[in-house]
Amino acid sequence: MTRHEEKRQHHRFDMAYPIRLFTRGGEELAASQTVNISQGGTLFVLPADQLADLDQTVNVTISMPETSYKSDKVVDFACQADVVRRNDDQDDTRVAVALAFSRPLEFTARV
């Protein structure tokens, strides 16, 4: 078990959902897709040039399918999140960013 796995409180799902990041004032900073997500946080990849404006606390909107049976409806989950890790070893142009949500997301992943 790795050090990061020992710290995790929520199970992570490898799911790609649209994610948008905003300043606390509401200005959109970036848009991407999640690499994985849990009730406590998410990991996504950004172009390195978009990272400069990414503050320690951001507002996040993640668009996920509704969990009811055979629904095509998309639900937007919005909350504040803290940047907890930046991993720029993807390559010179992309950076992986890990966020911790300010409150747990209540969702059921559809796999």
Protein backbone atom coordinates (compact mmCIF):
# COMPACT_ATOMS: atom_id res chain seq x y z
CA MET A 1 0.00 0.00 0.00
CA THR A 2 1.41 3.41 -0.97
CA ARG A 3 1.49 6.45 1.26
CA HIS A 4 -1.31 8.13 -0.77
CA GLU A 5 -3.54 5.04 -0.54
CA GLU A 6 -3.12 5.03 3.24
CA LYS A 7 -4.37 8.64 3.45
CA ARG A 8 -7.45 8.09 1.26
CA GLN A 9 -10.80 8.04 3.00
CA HIS A 10 -12.91 7.37 -0.12
CA HIS A 11 -12.71 4.81 -2.92
CA ARG A 12 -11.54 6.26 -6.25
CA PHE A 13 -13.23 5.48 -9.55
CA ASP A 14 -11.43 5.76 -12.90
CA MET A 15 -14.10 7.89 -14.56
CA ALA A 16 -13.83 10.67 -17.15
CA TYR A 17 -16.29 13.48 -16.45
CA PRO A 18 -16.16 17.08 -17.71
CA ILE A 19 -14.70 19.40 -15.05
CA ARG A 20 -14.57 23.20 -15.05
CA LEU A 21 -12.51 25.32 -12.67
CA PHE A 22 -13.35 28.86 -11.62
CA THR A 23 -11.80 31.53 -9.43
CA ARG A 24 -13.66 32.30 -6.23
CA GLY A 25 -14.92 35.36 -8.09
CA GLY A 26 -16.50 33.20 -10.81
CA GLU A 27 -14.00 33.66 -13.68
CA GLU A 28 -13.46 30.40 -15.58
CA LEU A 29 -9.85 29.22 -15.36
CA ALA A 30 -9.84 25.93 -17.21
CA ALA A 31 -11.85 22.99 -18.48
CA SER A 32 -10.71 19.39 -18.59
CA GLN A 33 -11.85 15.81 -17.85
CA THR A 34 -11.39 13.90 -14.64
CA VAL A 35 -8.95 10.99 -14.64
CA ASN A 36 -10.42 9.60 -11.44
CA ILE A 37 -12.89 10.80 -8.83
CA SER A 38 -14.01 9.98 -5.31
CA GLN A 39 -16.35 11.59 -2.81
CA GLY A 40 -13.34 13.44 -1.39
CA GLY A 41 -11.53 14.66 -4.49
CA THR A 42 -10.49 14.24 -8.10
CA LEU A 43 -7.48 14.06 -10.38
CA PHE A 44 -7.38 15.70 -13.81
CA VAL A 45 -4.80 16.85 -16.36
CA LEU A 46 -4.33 20.42 -17.60
CA PRO A 47 -2.12 22.01 -20.22
CA ALA A 48 0.89 23.42 -18.33
CA ASP A 49 0.20 26.98 -19.53
CA GLN A 50 -3.21 26.98 -17.77
CA LEU A 51 -1.68 26.09 -14.43
CA ALA A 52 -0.28 29.56 -13.71
CA ASP A 53 -3.72 30.95 -12.80
CA LEU A 54 -4.68 27.95 -10.66
CA ASP A 55 -4.86 29.17 -7.06
CA GLN A 56 -4.81 27.00 -3.96
CA THR A 57 -8.62 27.15 -3.64
CA VAL A 58 -10.92 26.99 -6.66
CA ASN A 59 -14.59 26.56 -7.40
CA VAL A 60 -15.27 23.35 -9.32
CA THR A 61 -18.17 22.10 -11.43
CA ILE A 62 -18.21 18.44 -12.47
CA SER A 63 -20.88 17.21 -14.90
CA MET A 64 -21.95 13.63 -14.19
CA PRO A 65 -24.78 11.46 -15.49
CA GLU A 66 -27.78 11.15 -13.22
CA THR A 67 -27.75 7.83 -11.40
CA SER A 68 -31.37 6.89 -11.92
CA TYR A 69 -32.00 3.93 -14.20
CA LYS A 70 -31.52 4.64 -17.94
CA SER A 71 -31.46 8.40 -17.52
CA ASP A 72 -29.51 10.57 -19.97
CA LYS A 73 -29.79 13.60 -17.73
CA VAL A 74 -26.54 15.26 -16.62
CA VAL A 75 -26.20 16.72 -13.14
CA ASP A 76 -23.66 19.43 -12.28
CA PHE A 77 -21.95 19.06 -8.91
CA ALA A 78 -20.44 22.33 -7.71
CA CYS A 79 -18.20 22.91 -4.71
CA GLN A 80 -14.98 24.50 -3.53
CA ALA A 81 -11.79 22.48 -3.65
CA ASP A 82 -8.18 22.85 -2.58
CA VAL A 83 -5.27 22.06 -4.89
CA VAL A 84 -3.40 19.38 -2.93
CA ARG A 85 -0.92 18.16 -5.52
CA ARG A 86 0.55 19.11 -8.88
CA ASN A 87 2.43 16.47 -10.79
CA ASP A 88 4.27 17.93 -13.76
CA ASP A 89 6.05 14.74 -14.75
CA GLN A 90 3.37 13.93 -17.36
CA ASP A 91 5.50 15.70 -19.98
CA ASP A 92 6.50 19.29 -20.68
CA THR A 93 3.04 20.34 -21.81
CA ARG A 94 0.66 18.67 -19.32
CA VAL A 95 0.29 18.70 -15.54
CA ALA A 96 -1.78 16.35 -13.37
CA VAL A 97 -3.66 18.22 -10.63
CA ALA A 98 -5.25 16.63 -7.54
CA LEU A 99 -8.09 18.43 -5.74
CA ALA A 100 -9.61 17.80 -2.31
CA PHE A 101 -13.27 18.84 -2.13
CA SER A 102 -14.32 21.11 0.74
CA ARG A 103 -17.22 18.74 1.42
CA PRO A 104 -17.75 15.17 0.23
CA LEU A 105 -19.59 14.79 -3.05
CA GLU A 106 -22.69 12.64 -2.76
CA PHE A 107 -22.79 10.53 -5.89
CA THR A 108 -23.05 6.97 -7.12
CA ALA A 109 -20.62 6.14 -9.91
CA ARG A 110 -22.18 4.38 -12.87
CA VAL A 111 -19.62 1.90 -14.21
